[in-house]
Amino acid sequence: MSRVTGYFVVLTANRSISFYGRNNDNFAEPVPDFLHSRNIPLVCFIINEDGNISHVGLGKRGIRAGTDLRRLNIHEIFQLKSSLSAIEIVNATSLRTKKRLIDKIESGGLVATKSFEEFLRVFLERAQEVLPLLNKFSYERRFRIDHLSDSTKKSLAEQKEAVLTAMNIAGIDKEKALGWDYLEGNRPISFLDGLEKVKLREDSMIISDLANIPGFNLIKTTKYSSSVFENDNTRLTVLLANRLPLEELLGTDLIYYNEDFKCFIMVQYKVMEKENDKFVFRVPNAQLADEIARMDSIITSISTIGSNDSIDDFRISVLPFFIKICPRIEFDPDNVGLSSGMYIPLDYLKLLQLDESIIGVRGGRGISYENVGRYFDNTAFKIIIESGWIGTNHNQSTILENVIRNILENGRTAVLAIKKKIARKISFEQEDINEEYLSMEDFLF
């Protein structure tokens, strides 16, 4: 499991002028090259020339900024009420941590995870005003998450993967899914319930918005969590429905509905196991066979239903089912990267299971990166799905309530994600430009 860590940004006199003269909550600083995943938060402590921490922010490793230099992009910058001495905070840590941090607060740089957690604990004791921003990275939170049961973490990991997949397709910033946590003594119910940054809506609003979505009437009758993610162009409403506690769930299915094209696609997740030096998904698989039979029955029921012949109803393929085969997913709420798995169309998977290319030296059959032949990665999958090129047509979509019923009856989580465009809001300046243009047009013509 990857970890959030910290970075000490030590500003020279010249860079302090640039930092304090900025006109927004973002700042970029060239620093010695370092390694840290862009999908994992980085807490930045801004240290001025007096050795005091005056600001904190969240950072992200950027592009190269010269020979052996890297751009560090800092956002959500927060100014402390009173600057704190960096050396005094370091001196309040254990002797081992103190030795590791002395040089860092003088020259700057990336901090080891355990040293960061201890430094952060002391820092938050003295800077209570930044608790809303940084408390989600505390040791206590990590301890709570680490001590969830393995079965609960497995279900949460699958739900998180499905939610992030939907956000990726819809073009929603996945960082909006950061900050997952739960209260001590309260058993988590779903991945959505632990998010703090998402826009929460009343059930009555959800019911009103989604009243005409196929399958929603069934979800209303069961236990579900809901959240709304938005940007300037898109609204993504996500519902997680299940009939079992987290630790008893048997898997997760993503049902993605593009409301603009009235188009469904469905993704089921399967885990590869590591064998020697590679990951393999063994077939035949009894559970997968049952699930393919379910998918085939749905395909049969919609296969004779034609398009409405509108241009928005054109599809390259109306088969909505994909299997994502990926290495075992760990529940890491501080990493918003998608698993590097393989999206495989159902029909291709059927052929692959029977093909000689997946037979191993001992005669067993297993699908791996080396023998799969072709698959969609996260980027390619987003491209074919986001514009409604693949998936059910409008008329087929209206009869798919049985899909959700079958998922729930088989003890899985149905992640229903509904994507819809938002009409652009025109600013007063743009309205003025439009009015001026129309006036000129009336005058000229």
Protein backbone atom coordinates (compact mmCIF):
# COMPACT_ATOMS: atom_id res chain seq x y z
CA MET A 1 0.00 0.00 0.00
CA SER A 2 1.40 3.38 -1.02
CA ARG A 3 1.59 6.18 1.52
CA VAL A 4 1.04 9.90 1.70
CA THR A 5 4.22 11.67 2.71
CA GLY A 6 5.58 15.19 3.06
CA TYR A 7 7.93 17.59 1.32
CA PHE A 8 9.83 20.49 2.92
CA VAL A 9 9.94 23.45 0.53
CA VAL A 10 12.70 25.81 1.68
CA LEU A 11 12.36 29.18 -0.02
CA THR A 12 15.29 31.46 -0.77
CA ALA A 13 14.85 35.22 -0.34
CA ASN A 14 14.12 35.65 -4.06
CA ARG A 15 11.66 32.77 -4.18
CA SER A 16 9.94 34.08 -1.03
CA ILE A 17 9.19 37.30 -2.93
CA SER A 18 7.61 35.26 -5.72
CA PHE A 19 5.69 33.09 -3.27
CA TYR A 20 4.24 35.93 -1.19
CA GLY A 21 3.50 37.93 -4.35
CA ARG A 22 1.39 35.22 -5.98
CA ASN A 23 -2.24 36.09 -6.72
CA ASN A 24 -3.89 32.70 -6.14
CA ASP A 25 -3.63 29.50 -4.10
CA ASN A 26 -1.21 27.81 -6.49
CA PHE A 27 2.58 27.97 -6.66
CA ALA A 28 5.25 26.07 -8.58
CA GLU A 29 8.79 25.59 -7.27
CA PRO A 30 11.75 23.99 -9.11
CA VAL A 31 13.25 21.37 -6.79
CA PRO A 32 15.79 18.53 -7.09
CA ASP A 33 14.27 15.64 -9.02
CA PHE A 34 12.36 13.16 -6.82
CA LEU A 35 10.01 10.19 -7.15
CA HIS A 36 6.45 10.25 -5.88
CA SER A 37 3.28 9.01 -7.58
CA ARG A 38 1.08 11.76 -9.01
CA ASN A 39 -1.92 9.74 -7.83
CA ILE A 40 -0.95 10.03 -4.16
CA PRO A 41 -1.15 13.29 -2.13
CA LEU A 42 2.03 15.07 -1.04
CA VAL A 43 1.85 17.45 1.93
CA CYS A 44 4.10 20.49 1.45
CA PHE A 45 5.48 22.53 4.35
CA ILE A 46 6.62 25.97 3.18
CA ILE A 47 9.70 27.10 5.14
CA ASN A 48 10.87 30.71 4.81
CA GLU A 49 14.43 32.04 5.09
CA ASP A 50 14.02 32.34 8.89
CA GLY A 51 13.39 28.59 9.20
CA ASN A 52 9.71 29.01 10.03
CA ILE A 53 6.76 27.18 8.50
CA SER A 54 4.39 29.89 7.29
CA HIS A 55 2.14 27.92 4.94
CA VAL A 56 1.13 24.35 4.10
CA GLY A 57 -0.35 22.98 0.90
CA LEU A 58 -0.86 19.88 -1.20
CA GLY A 59 1.72 19.12 -3.88
CA LYS A 60 2.06 17.14 -7.03
CA ARG A 61 5.20 16.11 -8.89
CA GLY A 62 5.30 18.02 -12.17
CA ILE A 63 7.36 18.06 -15.36
CA ARG A 64 11.13 18.39 -15.56
CA ALA A 65 12.39 21.90 -14.84
CA GLY A 66 15.99 21.55 -16.06
CA THR A 67 18.91 19.21 -15.49
CA ASP A 68 18.14 17.08 -12.42
CA LEU A 69 15.29 19.45 -11.52
CA ARG A 70 11.58 18.79 -11.20
CA ARG A 71 8.64 21.17 -10.97
CA LEU A 72 6.70 20.84 -7.70
CA ASN A 73 3.15 22.13 -8.15
CA ILE A 74 1.53 23.24 -4.89
CA HIS A 75 -2.18 23.93 -4.49
CA GLU A 76 -4.72 24.44 -1.67
CA ILE A 77 -2.12 26.66 0.03
CA PHE A 78 -3.10 27.57 3.60
CA GLN A 79 -1.45 30.35 5.63
CA LEU A 80 -0.88 29.65 9.33
CA LYS A 81 -2.14 32.21 11.85
CA SER A 82 1.38 32.31 13.27
CA SER A 83 4.53 30.86 11.71
CA LEU A 84 5.97 27.83 13.51
CA SER A 85 9.65 27.05 13.97
CA ALA A 86 10.48 23.94 11.94
CA ILE A 87 13.39 23.02 14.22
CA GLU A 88 11.21 23.23 17.33
CA ILE A 89 8.73 20.77 15.82
CA VAL A 90 11.56 18.43 14.80
CA ASN A 91 13.03 18.62 18.32
CA ALA A 92 9.69 17.40 19.71
CA THR A 93 9.89 14.17 17.71
CA SER A 94 11.75 10.99 18.64
CA LEU A 95 15.55 10.93 18.45
CA ARG A 96 15.46 8.67 15.42
CA THR A 97 13.07 10.92 13.51
CA LYS A 98 14.96 14.02 14.59
CA LYS A 99 18.18 12.73 13.02
CA ARG A 100 16.39 12.10 9.73
CA LEU A 101 14.69 15.49 9.58
CA ILE A 102 17.39 17.95 10.65
CA ASP A 103 18.97 18.11 7.20
CA LYS A 104 15.61 18.13 5.43
CA ILE A 105 14.35 21.30 7.11
CA GLU A 106 17.54 23.09 6.14
CA SER A 107 17.90 21.94 2.52
CA GLY A 108 14.37 20.77 1.73
CA GLY A 109 13.21 17.56 0.11
CA LEU A 110 10.99 14.50 0.31
CA VAL A 111 10.41 13.00 3.76
CA ALA A 112 10.18 9.28 4.59
CA THR A 113 6.62 8.19 5.42
CA LYS A 114 7.14 7.29 9.11
CA SER A 115 9.11 10.47 9.77
CA PHE A 116 6.40 12.50 8.04
CA GLU A 117 3.65 10.94 10.18
CA GLU A 118 5.47 11.77 13.41
CA PHE A 119 6.29 15.29 12.25
CA LEU A 120 2.67 15.81 11.19
CA ARG A 121 1.37 14.66 14.58
CA VAL A 122 3.46 17.27 16.42
CA PHE A 123 2.69 19.93 13.80
CA LEU A 124 -1.09 19.44 14.08
CA GLU A 125 -0.90 19.75 17.87
CA ARG A 126 0.47 23.27 17.34
CA ALA A 127 -1.51 24.28 14.25
CA GLN A 128 -5.09 23.24 14.95
CA GLU A 129 -6.41 25.51 12.22
CA VAL A 130 -5.09 23.17 9.49
CA LEU A 131 -6.83 20.07 10.87
CA PRO A 132 -9.58 20.22 8.18
CA LEU A 133 -6.90 20.09 5.47
CA LEU A 134 -4.35 17.66 6.94
CA ASN A 135 -6.06 15.49 9.56
CA LYS A 136 -7.05 13.03 6.82
CA PHE A 137 -3.34 12.15 6.50
CA SER A 138 -2.77 11.38 10.17
CA TYR A 139 -1.32 8.17 11.59
CA GLU A 140 -4.56 7.56 13.52
CA ARG A 141 -6.59 7.51 10.30
CA ARG A 142 -4.16 5.11 8.63
CA PHE A 143 -4.29 2.86 11.70
CA ARG A 144 -8.12 2.70 11.50
CA ILE A 145 -8.02 1.79 7.81
CA ASP A 146 -5.24 -0.77 8.19
CA HIS A 147 -7.24 -2.62 10.84
CA LEU A 148 -10.36 -3.16 8.77
CA SER A 149 -10.97 -6.83 8.05
CA ASP A 150 -9.50 -8.27 4.87
CA SER A 151 -12.94 -9.03 3.42
CA THR A 152 -14.13 -5.46 4.09
CA LYS A 153 -11.03 -3.99 2.47
CA LYS A 154 -11.53 -6.28 -0.53
CA SER A 155 -15.09 -5.02 -1.07
CA LEU A 156 -14.06 -1.39 -0.55
CA ALA A 157 -11.20 -1.80 -3.04
CA GLU A 158 -13.56 -3.14 -5.73
CA GLN A 159 -16.11 -0.37 -5.12
CA LYS A 160 -13.37 2.27 -5.24
CA GLU A 161 -12.07 0.85 -8.54
CA ALA A 162 -15.57 0.96 -10.05
CA VAL A 163 -16.22 4.52 -8.86
CA LEU A 164 -12.84 5.74 -10.17
CA THR A 165 -13.46 3.99 -13.51
CA ALA A 166 -16.76 5.86 -13.87
CA MET A 167 -15.08 9.16 -12.95
CA ASN A 168 -12.32 8.52 -15.49
CA ILE A 169 -14.80 7.83 -18.31
CA ALA A 170 -16.86 10.91 -17.42
CA GLY A 171 -13.81 13.19 -17.27
CA ILE A 172 -14.24 13.97 -13.55
CA ASP A 173 -11.07 14.72 -11.57
CA LYS A 174 -10.40 11.53 -9.59
CA GLU A 175 -8.80 13.56 -6.77
CA LYS A 176 -12.35 14.35 -5.67
CA ALA A 177 -12.41 10.78 -4.34
CA LEU A 178 -9.51 11.41 -1.93
CA GLY A 179 -9.82 11.67 1.84
CA TRP A 180 -11.75 8.45 2.58
CA ASP A 181 -12.25 7.78 6.29
CA TYR A 182 -14.75 6.43 8.78
CA LEU A 183 -15.56 7.10 12.42
CA GLU A 184 -14.09 4.78 15.02
CA GLY A 185 -16.75 2.27 16.11
CA ASN A 186 -18.92 2.81 13.01
CA ARG A 187 -18.62 -0.03 10.52
CA PRO A 188 -18.19 1.28 6.94
CA ILE A 189 -21.23 0.71 4.76
CA SER A 190 -19.79 1.64 1.36
CA PHE A 191 -16.89 3.43 -0.28
CA LEU A 192 -19.05 6.50 -1.00
CA ASP A 193 -20.00 6.91 2.65
CA GLY A 194 -16.37 7.58 3.57
CA LEU A 195 -15.80 10.45 1.13
CA GLU A 196 -15.72 14.01 2.36
CA LYS A 197 -15.30 16.17 -0.75
CA VAL A 198 -18.17 14.93 -2.89
CA LYS A 199 -21.41 16.80 -3.27
CA LEU A 200 -24.03 15.03 -1.16
CA ARG A 201 -27.66 15.25 -2.19
CA GLU A 202 -30.92 14.45 -0.45
CA ASP A 203 -32.59 11.17 -1.41
CA SER A 204 -35.59 13.13 -2.71
CA MET A 205 -33.32 15.00 -5.15
CA ILE A 206 -31.70 11.77 -6.34
CA ILE A 207 -35.10 10.15 -6.86
CA SER A 208 -36.31 13.18 -8.81
CA ASP A 209 -33.20 13.35 -11.01
CA LEU A 210 -33.06 9.62 -11.76
CA ALA A 211 -36.74 8.74 -11.94
CA ASN A 212 -36.48 7.73 -15.60
CA ILE A 213 -33.21 5.78 -15.39
CA PRO A 214 -33.71 2.06 -16.20
CA GLY A 215 -33.16 -0.02 -13.06
CA PHE A 216 -33.41 2.82 -10.59
CA ASN A 217 -36.82 1.77 -9.30
CA LEU A 218 -35.24 -1.49 -8.17
CA ILE A 219 -32.33 0.26 -6.46
CA LYS A 220 -34.79 2.41 -4.50
CA THR A 221 -36.06 -0.76 -2.81
CA THR A 222 -32.66 -1.77 -1.44
CA LYS A 223 -29.86 -0.28 0.64
CA TYR A 224 -27.77 2.19 -1.33
CA SER A 225 -25.34 5.08 -0.95
CA SER A 226 -25.24 7.98 -3.38
CA SER A 227 -22.94 10.85 -4.27
CA VAL A 228 -22.71 13.44 -7.02
CA PHE A 229 -19.45 14.51 -8.69
CA GLU A 230 -19.41 17.56 -10.94
CA ASN A 231 -17.17 19.72 -13.08
CA ASP A 232 -18.05 22.59 -15.43
CA ASN A 233 -19.39 20.25 -18.11
CA THR A 234 -20.51 17.01 -16.51
CA ARG A 235 -22.53 15.64 -13.61
CA LEU A 236 -21.82 12.07 -12.51
CA THR A 237 -24.32 10.56 -10.08
CA VAL A 238 -23.03 7.36 -8.46
CA LEU A 239 -25.13 4.88 -6.49
CA LEU A 240 -23.77 1.81 -4.69
CA ALA A 241 -26.48 -0.75 -4.01
CA ASN A 242 -26.13 -4.07 -2.20
CA ARG A 243 -28.17 -6.39 -0.01
CA LEU A 244 -25.33 -7.72 2.12
CA PRO A 245 -22.82 -6.18 4.56
CA LEU A 246 -19.47 -5.19 3.05
CA GLU A 247 -17.62 -8.17 4.46
CA GLU A 248 -20.08 -10.64 2.89
CA LEU A 249 -20.22 -9.24 -0.64
CA LEU A 250 -19.08 -11.53 -3.46
CA GLY A 251 -17.92 -8.87 -5.94
CA THR A 252 -18.71 -5.64 -7.73
CA ASP A 253 -20.22 -4.75 -11.09
CA LEU A 254 -20.01 -1.30 -12.66
CA ILE A 255 -23.09 -0.27 -14.62
CA TYR A 256 -22.24 2.94 -16.48
CA TYR A 257 -25.10 4.86 -18.08
CA ASN A 258 -24.38 7.69 -20.50
CA GLU A 259 -27.64 9.62 -20.27
CA ASP A 260 -26.73 11.85 -23.23
CA PHE A 261 -26.70 8.80 -25.54
CA LYS A 262 -29.07 6.58 -23.51
CA CYS A 263 -26.29 3.99 -23.51
CA PHE A 264 -25.32 1.30 -20.96
CA ILE A 265 -21.99 -0.48 -20.59
CA MET A 266 -21.21 -2.97 -17.81
CA VAL A 267 -17.89 -4.01 -16.30
CA GLN A 268 -17.25 -6.98 -14.06
CA TYR A 269 -13.95 -7.32 -12.19
CA LYS A 270 -11.86 -10.49 -12.02
CA VAL A 271 -8.62 -10.92 -10.09
CA MET A 272 -5.39 -12.39 -11.46
CA GLU A 273 -3.09 -14.27 -9.11
CA LYS A 274 0.69 -14.08 -9.23
CA GLU A 275 2.34 -17.30 -10.42
CA ASN A 276 6.13 -17.20 -10.38
CA ASP A 277 6.96 -13.92 -12.14
CA LYS A 278 3.63 -13.12 -13.86
CA PHE A 279 -0.05 -12.56 -13.14
CA VAL A 280 -2.56 -15.14 -14.43
CA PHE A 281 -6.34 -15.57 -14.43
CA ARG A 282 -7.11 -19.29 -14.59
CA VAL A 283 -9.91 -20.67 -16.78
CA PRO A 284 -12.28 -22.39 -16.82
CA ASN A 285 -13.68 -20.57 -13.79
CA ALA A 286 -17.00 -21.82 -12.42
CA GLN A 287 -18.14 -18.46 -11.06
CA LEU A 288 -17.26 -16.69 -14.32
CA ALA A 289 -19.14 -19.35 -16.29
CA ASP A 290 -22.30 -18.66 -14.27
CA GLU A 291 -21.88 -14.94 -14.77
CA ILE A 292 -21.34 -15.33 -18.52
CA ALA A 293 -24.55 -17.35 -18.68
CA ARG A 294 -26.34 -14.43 -16.99
CA MET A 295 -24.84 -11.99 -19.49
CA ASP A 296 -25.81 -14.23 -22.42
CA SER A 297 -29.42 -14.34 -21.27
CA ILE A 298 -29.49 -10.53 -21.21
CA ILE A 299 -27.90 -10.34 -24.65
CA THR A 300 -30.55 -12.73 -25.98
CA SER A 301 -33.33 -10.57 -24.55
CA ILE A 302 -32.05 -7.37 -26.22
CA SER A 303 -30.58 -8.75 -29.45
CA THR A 304 -33.77 -8.27 -31.50
CA ILE A 305 -34.40 -4.71 -30.34
CA GLY A 306 -33.31 -2.28 -33.02
CA SER A 307 -32.00 1.26 -32.98
CA ASN A 308 -34.23 4.32 -33.22
CA ASP A 309 -32.14 5.36 -36.26
CA SER A 310 -31.03 8.71 -34.79
CA ILE A 311 -27.36 9.69 -35.12
CA ASP A 312 -26.97 9.62 -31.31
CA ASP A 313 -28.13 6.00 -31.33
CA PHE A 314 -25.37 4.78 -33.67
CA ARG A 315 -23.09 2.16 -32.09
CA ILE A 316 -20.03 0.30 -33.32
CA SER A 317 -21.25 -2.54 -31.11
CA VAL A 318 -24.37 -2.85 -28.97
CA LEU A 319 -22.84 -5.55 -26.74
CA PRO A 320 -22.44 -3.85 -23.36
CA PHE A 321 -20.40 -6.37 -21.35
CA PHE A 322 -16.70 -6.11 -20.48
CA ILE A 323 -14.57 -8.10 -18.05
CA LYS A 324 -11.70 -6.24 -16.38
CA ILE A 325 -8.99 -8.72 -15.44
CA CYS A 326 -6.41 -7.17 -13.15
CA PRO A 327 -3.88 -8.01 -10.44
CA ARG A 328 -5.32 -8.17 -6.94
CA ILE A 329 -6.57 -4.72 -5.91
CA GLU A 330 -5.46 -3.41 -2.52
CA PHE A 331 -7.62 -0.89 -0.68
CA ASP A 332 -5.53 2.27 -0.75
CA PRO A 333 -7.82 5.30 -0.32
CA ASP A 334 -4.92 7.73 -0.79
CA ASN A 335 -4.18 6.51 -4.32
CA VAL A 336 -6.59 7.57 -7.07
CA GLY A 337 -4.81 5.66 -9.82
CA LEU A 338 -6.74 2.93 -11.63
CA SER A 339 -5.47 -0.64 -11.55
CA SER A 340 -3.43 -1.53 -14.63
CA GLY A 341 -5.73 -4.29 -15.77
CA MET A 342 -7.17 -5.45 -19.09
CA TYR A 343 -10.69 -4.59 -20.30
CA ILE A 344 -11.82 -7.50 -22.47
CA PRO A 345 -15.12 -7.55 -24.42
CA LEU A 346 -17.27 -10.55 -23.47
CA ASP A 347 -17.27 -12.07 -26.98
CA TYR A 348 -13.48 -11.84 -27.21
CA LEU A 349 -13.13 -13.45 -23.77
CA LYS A 350 -15.26 -16.40 -24.93
CA LEU A 351 -12.94 -16.98 -27.88
CA LEU A 352 -9.85 -16.52 -25.74
CA GLN A 353 -10.90 -19.18 -23.22
CA LEU A 354 -10.94 -21.77 -26.03
CA ASP A 355 -7.80 -20.62 -27.85
CA GLU A 356 -4.63 -22.69 -27.74
CA SER A 357 -2.53 -19.57 -27.07
CA ILE A 358 -3.51 -19.59 -23.37
CA ILE A 359 -2.47 -23.23 -22.74
CA GLY A 360 0.55 -23.46 -20.45
CA VAL A 361 3.42 -25.93 -20.45
CA ARG A 362 1.52 -28.23 -18.07
CA GLY A 363 -1.69 -28.11 -20.09
CA GLY A 364 -3.58 -25.63 -17.90
CA ARG A 365 -5.31 -22.58 -19.31
CA GLY A 366 -4.63 -19.10 -17.99
CA ILE A 367 -5.03 -15.56 -19.32
CA SER A 368 -2.07 -13.23 -18.81
CA TYR A 369 -0.67 -10.00 -20.22
CA GLU A 370 1.65 -12.11 -22.39
CA ASN A 371 -1.00 -14.21 -24.16
CA VAL A 372 -4.17 -12.11 -24.13
CA GLY A 373 -3.40 -10.81 -27.60
CA ARG A 374 -5.46 -7.63 -27.45
CA TYR A 375 -7.20 -5.64 -24.74
CA PHE A 376 -8.22 -2.10 -23.82
CA ASP A 377 -6.18 -0.30 -21.17
CA ASN A 378 -7.70 2.48 -19.04
CA THR A 379 -7.05 5.18 -21.63
CA ALA A 380 -8.36 3.25 -24.63
CA PHE A 381 -11.45 2.11 -22.69
CA LYS A 382 -12.30 5.69 -21.77
CA ILE A 383 -12.02 6.79 -25.41
CA ILE A 384 -14.46 4.19 -26.78
CA ILE A 385 -16.99 4.57 -23.97
CA GLU A 386 -17.15 8.30 -23.23
CA SER A 387 -18.81 9.24 -26.55
CA GLY A 388 -21.31 6.39 -26.71
CA TRP A 389 -19.62 4.40 -29.50
CA ILE A 390 -20.05 1.10 -27.62
CA GLY A 391 -23.03 -0.08 -25.58
CA THR A 392 -26.77 -0.59 -25.72
CA ASN A 393 -28.92 1.55 -27.96
CA HIS A 394 -31.74 3.68 -26.63
CA ASN A 395 -34.47 1.08 -27.04
CA GLN A 396 -32.38 -1.72 -25.50
CA SER A 397 -31.52 0.43 -22.49
CA THR A 398 -35.15 0.76 -21.47
CA ILE A 399 -35.48 -2.93 -20.53
CA LEU A 400 -32.32 -3.56 -18.53
CA GLU A 401 -33.75 -3.51 -15.02
CA ASN A 402 -33.19 -7.28 -14.81
CA VAL A 403 -29.43 -6.63 -14.97
CA ILE A 404 -29.44 -4.92 -11.59
CA ARG A 405 -31.82 -7.48 -10.10
CA ASN A 406 -29.52 -10.34 -11.10
CA ILE A 407 -26.46 -8.60 -9.68
CA LEU A 408 -28.08 -7.94 -6.31
CA GLU A 409 -29.61 -11.40 -6.06
CA ASN A 410 -26.14 -12.89 -6.57
CA GLY A 411 -24.73 -11.02 -3.55
CA ARG A 412 -22.72 -8.42 -5.47
CA THR A 413 -22.55 -4.62 -5.36
CA ALA A 414 -24.20 -2.77 -8.24
CA VAL A 415 -22.33 0.46 -8.86
CA LEU A 416 -24.70 2.50 -11.01
CA ALA A 417 -22.97 5.56 -12.47
CA ILE A 418 -25.04 8.03 -14.52
CA LYS A 419 -23.20 10.62 -16.61
CA LYS A 420 -24.98 13.70 -17.95
CA LYS A 421 -23.76 16.88 -19.62
CA ILE A 422 -24.32 20.17 -17.83
CA ALA A 423 -25.24 23.22 -19.89
CA ARG A 424 -22.37 25.70 -19.81
CA LYS A 425 -22.95 28.76 -17.65
CA ILE A 426 -22.26 31.94 -19.61
CA SER A 427 -20.53 34.66 -17.60
CA PHE A 428 -21.73 38.27 -17.66
CA GLU A 429 -18.69 39.15 -19.77
CA GLN A 430 -19.61 36.46 -22.31
CA GLU A 431 -23.22 37.65 -22.34
CA ASP A 432 -21.99 41.17 -23.05
CA ILE A 433 -19.84 39.84 -25.94
CA ASN A 434 -22.79 37.93 -27.34
CA GLU A 435 -25.07 40.98 -27.09
CA GLU A 436 -22.44 43.14 -28.79
CA TYR A 437 -22.03 40.56 -31.57
CA LEU A 438 -25.80 40.38 -32.13
CA SER A 439 -26.08 44.15 -32.25
CA MET A 440 -23.35 44.35 -34.90
CA GLU A 441 -24.99 41.54 -36.84
CA ASP A 442 -28.35 43.37 -36.81
CA PHE A 443 -26.62 46.53 -37.99
CA LEU A 444 -24.69 44.84 -40.80
CA PHE A 445 -27.44 42.63 -42.12
